[in-house]
N, C-alpha and C. Protein backbone atom coordinates (compact mmCIF):
# COMPACT_ATOMS: atom_id res chain seq x y z
N MET A 1 -50.34 -35.86 -106.38
CA MET A 1 -50.93 -35.54 -107.77
C MET A 1 -50.59 -34.60 -108.34
N ILE A 2 -50.40 -35.21 -110.08
CA ILE A 2 -50.06 -34.04 -111.14
C ILE A 2 -51.35 -33.51 -111.48
N ALA A 3 -51.32 -32.56 -111.55
CA ALA A 3 -52.60 -31.63 -112.74
C ALA A 3 -52.50 -31.91 -113.83
N THR A 4 -53.46 -32.33 -114.44
CA THR A 4 -53.54 -32.40 -115.74
C THR A 4 -54.73 -31.44 -116.60
N PRO A 5 -54.54 -31.37 -117.92
CA PRO A 5 -55.43 -30.19 -118.29
C PRO A 5 -56.79 -30.42 -118.13
N GLY A 6 -57.38 -29.42 -117.40
CA GLY A 6 -58.71 -29.28 -117.14
C GLY A 6 -58.87 -29.85 -115.75
N SER A 7 -57.69 -29.93 -114.98
CA SER A 7 -57.91 -30.41 -113.43
C SER A 7 -56.98 -29.11 -112.75
N ARG A 8 -56.93 -29.60 -111.59
CA ARG A 8 -56.26 -28.38 -110.68
C ARG A 8 -55.28 -29.38 -109.73
N ASP A 9 -54.51 -29.17 -109.21
CA ASP A 9 -54.16 -29.79 -107.78
C ASP A 9 -54.81 -28.94 -106.67
N ARG A 10 -55.03 -29.70 -105.72
CA ARG A 10 -55.93 -29.01 -104.61
C ARG A 10 -55.09 -28.88 -103.52
N ARG A 11 -53.72 -28.95 -103.72
CA ARG A 11 -53.10 -28.64 -102.07
C ARG A 11 -52.75 -27.34 -102.15
N GLU A 12 -53.01 -27.09 -100.75
CA GLU A 12 -52.38 -25.51 -100.44
C GLU A 12 -51.05 -25.37 -100.24
N CYS A 13 -50.13 -26.29 -100.09
CA CYS A 13 -48.99 -26.24 -99.53
C CYS A 13 -48.19 -26.96 -100.57
N ARG A 14 -46.92 -26.59 -100.62
CA ARG A 14 -45.78 -27.44 -101.65
C ARG A 14 -45.36 -28.77 -100.81
N ARG A 15 -45.16 -29.73 -101.45
CA ARG A 15 -45.07 -31.50 -100.83
C ARG A 15 -43.53 -31.60 -101.11
N PHE A 16 -42.97 -31.81 -100.02
CA PHE A 16 -41.76 -32.37 -100.14
C PHE A 16 -41.38 -33.87 -99.89
N ARG A 17 -40.19 -34.00 -101.01
CA ARG A 17 -39.76 -35.61 -100.79
C ARG A 17 -38.72 -35.76 -99.67
N VAL A 18 -38.64 -36.75 -98.91
CA VAL A 18 -37.80 -36.67 -97.72
C VAL A 18 -36.60 -37.60 -97.88
N ARG A 19 -35.38 -37.42 -97.27
CA ARG A 19 -34.18 -38.37 -97.23
C ARG A 19 -34.72 -39.77 -96.91
N ASP A 20 -33.97 -40.75 -97.38
CA ASP A 20 -33.84 -41.96 -96.78
C ASP A 20 -33.83 -41.92 -95.28
N GLY A 21 -34.58 -42.75 -94.39
CA GLY A 21 -34.31 -42.57 -93.33
C GLY A 21 -35.36 -41.61 -92.54
N ALA A 22 -36.47 -41.09 -93.39
CA ALA A 22 -37.56 -40.42 -92.68
C ALA A 22 -38.60 -41.44 -92.72
N PHE A 23 -39.41 -41.39 -91.47
CA PHE A 23 -40.28 -42.59 -91.42
C PHE A 23 -41.95 -41.75 -90.54
N ALA A 24 -42.74 -42.14 -91.22
CA ALA A 24 -43.81 -41.79 -90.16
C ALA A 24 -44.63 -43.22 -89.69
N ALA A 25 -45.39 -42.72 -88.53
CA ALA A 25 -46.08 -44.01 -88.07
C ALA A 25 -47.45 -43.69 -87.46
N ILE A 26 -48.57 -44.64 -87.57
CA ILE A 26 -49.82 -44.54 -86.60
C ILE A 26 -49.80 -45.30 -85.67
N ALA A 27 -49.61 -44.77 -84.48
CA ALA A 27 -49.55 -45.63 -83.12
C ALA A 27 -51.02 -45.80 -82.39
N ASP A 28 -52.09 -45.09 -83.18
CA ASP A 28 -53.49 -45.18 -82.32
C ASP A 28 -53.78 -46.65 -82.27
N THR A 29 -53.43 -47.40 -83.45
CA THR A 29 -54.26 -48.57 -82.99
C THR A 29 -52.86 -49.79 -83.63
N TYR A 30 -52.83 -49.89 -84.60
CA TYR A 30 -51.79 -51.22 -84.47
C TYR A 30 -50.32 -50.56 -84.92
N GLY A 31 -50.24 -49.38 -84.85
CA GLY A 31 -48.59 -48.95 -84.75
C GLY A 31 -48.01 -49.23 -86.40
N LYS A 32 -48.52 -48.40 -87.44
CA LYS A 32 -48.17 -48.79 -88.94
C LYS A 32 -47.01 -48.07 -89.22
N LEU A 33 -45.96 -48.43 -89.35
CA LEU A 33 -44.72 -47.77 -89.56
C LEU A 33 -43.99 -48.15 -91.15
N GLY A 34 -43.89 -46.92 -91.78
CA GLY A 34 -43.19 -47.26 -93.23
C GLY A 34 -42.35 -45.52 -93.66
N PRO A 35 -41.82 -45.67 -94.75
CA PRO A 35 -40.83 -44.72 -94.98
C PRO A 35 -41.83 -43.76 -95.58
N ILE A 36 -41.56 -42.26 -95.59
CA ILE A 36 -42.30 -41.25 -96.19
C ILE A 36 -42.33 -40.95 -97.53
N HIS A 37 -43.25 -41.02 -98.06
CA HIS A 37 -43.26 -40.59 -99.51
C HIS A 37 -43.05 -39.01 -99.92
N ASP A 38 -43.86 -38.38 -99.22
CA ASP A 38 -43.82 -37.05 -99.20
C ASP A 38 -44.33 -36.13 -98.02
N ILE A 39 -44.43 -34.90 -97.74
CA ILE A 39 -44.80 -34.37 -96.52
C ILE A 39 -44.98 -32.80 -97.08
N SER A 40 -45.70 -32.20 -96.27
CA SER A 40 -45.95 -30.89 -96.34
C SER A 40 -46.34 -30.57 -94.98
N LEU A 41 -46.88 -28.94 -94.87
CA LEU A 41 -47.22 -28.22 -93.66
C LEU A 41 -48.43 -28.53 -93.34
N LYS A 42 -49.23 -29.56 -94.13
CA LYS A 42 -50.48 -29.91 -94.20
C LYS A 42 -50.85 -31.54 -94.08
N GLY A 43 -49.93 -32.18 -94.53
CA GLY A 43 -49.82 -33.41 -94.27
C GLY A 43 -49.00 -34.46 -94.72
N VAL A 44 -49.16 -35.54 -94.85
CA VAL A 44 -47.73 -36.80 -95.04
C VAL A 44 -48.44 -37.79 -95.64
N ALA A 45 -47.84 -38.15 -96.50
CA ALA A 45 -48.20 -40.08 -97.49
C ALA A 45 -47.26 -40.71 -97.03
N PHE A 46 -47.45 -41.87 -96.68
CA PHE A 46 -46.10 -42.78 -96.40
C PHE A 46 -46.81 -44.41 -97.10
N ARG A 47 -45.81 -45.32 -97.03
CA ARG A 47 -45.71 -46.49 -97.18
C ARG A 47 -45.79 -47.28 -96.12
N TYR A 48 -46.91 -48.43 -95.96
CA TYR A 48 -46.61 -49.16 -95.19
C TYR A 48 -46.95 -50.49 -95.42
N LEU A 49 -46.56 -51.73 -94.83
CA LEU A 49 -46.70 -53.26 -95.09
C LEU A 49 -48.34 -53.17 -94.72
N ASP A 50 -49.11 -54.02 -95.67
CA ASP A 50 -50.46 -54.20 -95.12
C ASP A 50 -50.68 -55.68 -94.85
N ASP A 51 -51.22 -55.42 -93.25
CA ASP A 51 -51.14 -57.01 -92.51
C ASP A 51 -52.93 -56.86 -92.36
N GLU A 52 -53.47 -56.24 -93.20
CA GLU A 52 -55.14 -56.50 -93.42
C GLU A 52 -55.72 -56.07 -92.22
N ARG A 53 -55.03 -55.12 -91.34
CA ARG A 53 -55.74 -54.41 -89.91
C ARG A 53 -55.52 -53.44 -90.39
N PRO A 54 -56.89 -52.13 -89.94
CA PRO A 54 -56.83 -50.70 -90.41
C PRO A 54 -55.62 -50.42 -89.52
N PRO A 55 -55.26 -49.02 -90.06
CA PRO A 55 -54.22 -48.26 -89.63
C PRO A 55 -54.37 -47.20 -89.03
N TYR A 56 -55.98 -47.20 -88.81
CA TYR A 56 -56.40 -45.58 -88.28
C TYR A 56 -57.74 -46.26 -87.27
N ALA A 57 -58.08 -45.67 -86.61
CA ALA A 57 -59.82 -45.58 -85.95
C ALA A 57 -60.65 -45.55 -87.09
N ALA A 58 -61.78 -46.01 -86.55
CA ALA A 58 -62.78 -45.89 -87.39
C ALA A 58 -63.34 -44.62 -88.09
N ALA A 59 -63.03 -43.68 -87.17
CA ALA A 59 -63.42 -42.58 -87.55
C ALA A 59 -62.40 -41.67 -88.37
N GLY A 60 -61.38 -42.57 -88.83
CA GLY A 60 -60.38 -41.75 -89.88
C GLY A 60 -59.69 -40.90 -89.42
N ARG A 61 -59.51 -40.85 -87.96
CA ARG A 61 -59.03 -40.05 -87.15
C ARG A 61 -57.33 -40.94 -86.66
N ALA A 62 -56.31 -40.16 -86.45
CA ALA A 62 -54.99 -40.90 -85.90
C ALA A 62 -54.20 -39.80 -85.60
N HIS A 63 -53.18 -40.24 -84.53
CA HIS A 63 -52.16 -39.22 -84.30
C HIS A 63 -50.90 -40.33 -84.86
N VAL A 64 -50.16 -39.16 -85.42
CA VAL A 64 -48.99 -39.31 -86.52
C VAL A 64 -47.74 -38.99 -85.44
N GLN A 65 -46.69 -39.72 -85.83
CA GLN A 65 -45.32 -39.85 -85.51
C GLN A 65 -44.39 -39.54 -86.63
N LEU A 66 -43.35 -38.45 -86.47
CA LEU A 66 -42.58 -38.78 -87.73
C LEU A 66 -41.17 -38.63 -86.97
N LEU A 67 -40.36 -39.40 -87.78
CA LEU A 67 -39.01 -40.09 -87.50
C LEU A 67 -37.91 -39.54 -88.43
N CYS A 68 -36.75 -38.96 -88.13
CA CYS A 68 -35.85 -38.89 -89.32
C CYS A 68 -34.67 -39.21 -88.47
N ARG A 69 -33.88 -40.31 -89.10
CA ARG A 69 -32.83 -41.06 -88.37
C ARG A 69 -31.72 -40.05 -89.13
N GLU A 70 -31.13 -39.44 -89.83
CA GLU A 70 -30.46 -38.42 -90.29
C GLU A 70 -29.87 -37.47 -89.54
N ALA A 71 -31.52 -36.89 -89.36
CA ALA A 71 -31.28 -35.59 -88.35
C ALA A 71 -31.59 -35.44 -87.07
N ARG A 72 -31.95 -36.88 -86.59
CA ARG A 72 -32.34 -37.30 -85.20
C ARG A 72 -33.20 -36.64 -84.70
N LEU A 73 -34.59 -36.48 -85.27
CA LEU A 73 -35.57 -35.58 -84.95
C LEU A 73 -36.91 -36.69 -84.88
N ARG A 74 -37.52 -36.29 -83.63
CA ARG A 74 -38.71 -37.18 -83.84
C ARG A 74 -39.96 -36.40 -83.19
N LEU A 75 -40.95 -36.25 -84.25
CA LEU A 75 -41.99 -35.58 -83.52
C LEU A 75 -43.07 -36.39 -83.08
N ASP A 76 -44.19 -36.52 -81.80
CA ASP A 76 -44.94 -37.27 -81.49
C ASP A 76 -46.66 -36.47 -81.60
N GLY A 77 -47.41 -37.57 -81.50
CA GLY A 77 -48.86 -36.95 -81.31
C GLY A 77 -49.43 -35.72 -82.10
N LEU A 78 -48.83 -35.85 -83.48
CA LEU A 78 -49.25 -34.90 -84.49
C LEU A 78 -51.12 -35.37 -84.95
N PRO A 79 -52.13 -34.59 -84.65
CA PRO A 79 -53.22 -34.91 -84.80
C PRO A 79 -53.89 -34.95 -86.48
N ALA A 80 -54.25 -36.05 -86.73
CA ALA A 80 -54.33 -36.29 -88.26
C ALA A 80 -55.73 -36.92 -88.61
N VAL A 81 -56.15 -36.69 -90.10
CA VAL A 81 -57.52 -37.23 -90.37
C VAL A 81 -57.09 -37.80 -91.99
N LEU A 82 -57.57 -39.06 -91.94
CA LEU A 82 -57.30 -40.13 -93.27
C LEU A 82 -57.83 -39.36 -94.39
N VAL A 83 -56.88 -39.09 -95.54
CA VAL A 83 -57.44 -38.42 -96.72
C VAL A 83 -57.42 -39.85 -97.64
N ALA A 84 -56.40 -40.40 -97.60
CA ALA A 84 -56.40 -41.48 -98.58
C ALA A 84 -55.80 -42.76 -98.08
N ASP A 85 -56.10 -44.50 -98.53
CA ASP A 85 -55.54 -45.38 -97.94
C ASP A 85 -55.72 -46.60 -99.48
N GLU A 86 -54.66 -46.55 -100.08
CA GLU A 86 -54.93 -47.54 -101.46
C GLU A 86 -53.87 -48.42 -101.58
N ALA A 87 -54.18 -49.78 -102.01
CA ALA A 87 -53.08 -50.58 -102.50
C ALA A 87 -52.20 -50.22 -103.51
N LEU A 88 -50.57 -50.71 -103.13
CA LEU A 88 -49.98 -50.15 -104.48
C LEU A 88 -49.54 -51.72 -104.93
N SER A 89 -49.23 -51.30 -106.55
CA SER A 89 -48.86 -52.25 -107.38
C SER A 89 -47.93 -52.93 -106.85
N PRO A 90 -47.80 -54.46 -106.52
CA PRO A 90 -46.56 -54.97 -106.04
C PRO A 90 -45.44 -54.80 -106.84
N GLU A 91 -44.41 -54.58 -106.07
CA GLU A 91 -42.91 -54.83 -107.10
C GLU A 91 -42.41 -56.20 -107.20
N PRO A 92 -41.95 -56.14 -108.28
CA PRO A 92 -41.06 -57.78 -108.23
C PRO A 92 -40.17 -57.98 -107.08
N SER A 93 -40.43 -59.31 -106.47
CA SER A 93 -39.64 -59.73 -105.33
C SER A 93 -39.83 -60.99 -105.17
N PHE A 94 -38.89 -61.80 -104.68
CA PHE A 94 -38.72 -63.51 -104.21
C PHE A 94 -39.98 -63.52 -103.09
N ILE A 95 -40.64 -62.72 -102.43
CA ILE A 95 -41.86 -62.74 -101.45
C ILE A 95 -42.70 -62.10 -101.67
N GLU A 96 -43.59 -62.24 -101.56
CA GLU A 96 -44.84 -61.47 -101.97
C GLU A 96 -45.17 -60.37 -100.76
N LEU A 97 -44.92 -59.07 -100.86
CA LEU A 97 -45.38 -58.28 -100.06
C LEU A 97 -46.69 -57.41 -100.29
N LYS A 98 -47.45 -57.33 -99.45
CA LYS A 98 -48.51 -56.33 -100.17
C LYS A 98 -48.39 -54.77 -99.47
N MET A 99 -48.25 -54.12 -100.00
CA MET A 99 -48.01 -52.56 -99.70
C MET A 99 -49.08 -51.44 -99.56
N ARG A 100 -49.09 -50.98 -98.93
CA ARG A 100 -50.54 -49.59 -99.09
C ARG A 100 -49.47 -48.13 -99.07
N ARG A 101 -50.23 -46.83 -99.46
CA ARG A 101 -50.19 -45.78 -99.07
C ARG A 101 -51.46 -45.14 -98.80
N VAL A 102 -50.94 -44.54 -97.49
CA VAL A 102 -51.83 -43.88 -96.76
C VAL A 102 -51.66 -42.44 -96.86
N ALA A 103 -52.39 -41.58 -97.12
CA ALA A 103 -52.30 -40.14 -97.21
C ALA A 103 -53.46 -39.37 -95.95
N LEU A 104 -52.44 -38.96 -94.45
CA LEU A 104 -53.07 -37.95 -93.86
C LEU A 104 -53.26 -36.47 -93.94
N GLN A 105 -54.19 -35.67 -93.47
CA GLN A 105 -54.23 -34.10 -93.13
C GLN A 105 -53.97 -34.11 -92.12
N PHE A 106 -52.94 -33.27 -91.79
CA PHE A 106 -52.71 -32.92 -90.30
C PHE A 106 -54.04 -32.04 -89.83
N GLY A 107 -54.28 -32.34 -88.49
CA GLY A 107 -55.55 -31.96 -87.80
C GLY A 107 -54.66 -30.37 -87.39
N ASP A 108 -55.65 -29.67 -86.17
CA ASP A 108 -55.42 -28.63 -85.84
C ASP A 108 -53.73 -28.91 -84.75
N LEU A 109 -53.18 -28.29 -85.34
CA LEU A 109 -51.61 -28.32 -84.45
C LEU A 109 -51.45 -27.08 -83.71
N ASP A 110 -50.70 -26.87 -82.52
CA ASP A 110 -50.74 -25.88 -81.62
C ASP A 110 -49.29 -25.36 -82.47
N ALA A 111 -48.97 -24.16 -82.19
CA ALA A 111 -47.81 -23.33 -82.50
C ALA A 111 -46.53 -24.07 -82.61
N ASP A 112 -46.26 -24.80 -81.34
CA ASP A 112 -45.03 -25.45 -81.34
C ASP A 112 -45.00 -26.61 -82.27
N GLN A 113 -46.27 -27.47 -82.51
CA GLN A 113 -46.28 -28.32 -83.29
C GLN A 113 -46.13 -27.92 -84.73
N ARG A 114 -46.40 -26.67 -85.08
CA ARG A 114 -46.28 -26.25 -86.25
C ARG A 114 -44.83 -25.80 -86.57
N GLN A 115 -43.99 -25.25 -85.60
CA GLN A 115 -42.56 -25.13 -85.99
C GLN A 115 -42.13 -26.29 -85.57
N GLN A 116 -42.19 -27.54 -85.09
CA GLN A 116 -41.32 -28.58 -84.82
C GLN A 116 -41.54 -29.42 -86.70
N LEU A 117 -42.85 -29.28 -86.73
CA LEU A 117 -43.04 -29.88 -88.33
C LEU A 117 -42.28 -29.13 -89.35
N ALA A 118 -42.27 -27.69 -89.04
CA ALA A 118 -41.55 -26.59 -90.41
C ALA A 118 -39.91 -27.34 -90.05
N ASP A 119 -39.59 -27.46 -89.05
CA ASP A 119 -38.41 -27.82 -88.79
C ASP A 119 -37.96 -29.00 -89.49
N PHE A 120 -38.76 -30.28 -89.20
CA PHE A 120 -38.81 -31.31 -89.59
C PHE A 120 -38.42 -31.44 -91.17
N ILE A 121 -39.24 -30.61 -92.01
CA ILE A 121 -39.38 -30.64 -93.60
C ILE A 121 -37.97 -29.94 -93.61
N CYS A 122 -37.67 -28.76 -93.06
CA CYS A 122 -36.23 -28.03 -93.48
C CYS A 122 -35.00 -28.92 -93.30
N ARG A 123 -35.11 -29.86 -92.27
CA ARG A 123 -33.95 -30.71 -92.39
C ARG A 123 -33.93 -32.22 -92.75
N CYS A 124 -35.34 -32.68 -92.98
CA CYS A 124 -35.13 -33.83 -93.83
C CYS A 124 -35.37 -34.07 -95.07
N ALA A 125 -36.17 -32.94 -95.58
CA ALA A 125 -36.48 -32.82 -96.96
C ALA A 125 -35.34 -32.79 -97.85
N MET A 126 -35.21 -33.57 -99.46
CA MET A 126 -34.38 -33.37 -100.30
C MET A 126 -34.37 -32.11 -100.94
N ALA A 127 -32.78 -31.73 -101.33
CA ALA A 127 -32.97 -30.30 -102.29
C ALA A 127 -33.36 -30.46 -103.44
N ASP A 128 -34.22 -29.90 -104.02
CA ASP A 128 -34.77 -29.71 -105.60
C ASP A 128 -33.10 -30.09 -106.32
N GLY A 129 -33.95 -30.79 -107.38
CA GLY A 129 -32.71 -31.43 -108.59
C GLY A 129 -32.62 -32.36 -108.62
């Protein structure tokens, strides 16, 4: 979210764009998988193909898996809560694909999960510039 005059960004942590090959998945229900849009120590946003099935349990809780091909990293079972799930405008294509963007806030992470998440961000984030 970009802050506009009269509004403020409510995020507590800086969000990072990631390199190509970084993915997030929700494995609780139907296994939604897609490229990460951005990530922070507090949450992750990613795109996924809309197959019209909910990507999370009814209560909006999920467990997230993070994958980074280049760094050969995989984090499993990070608890998260749904913040937003919205349809994206279709991009020009020869086939019609409906895409969505989901934003999740990480739940209570233990010390090991927090360290692994920080390492994931450090190794998979793109340099500024």
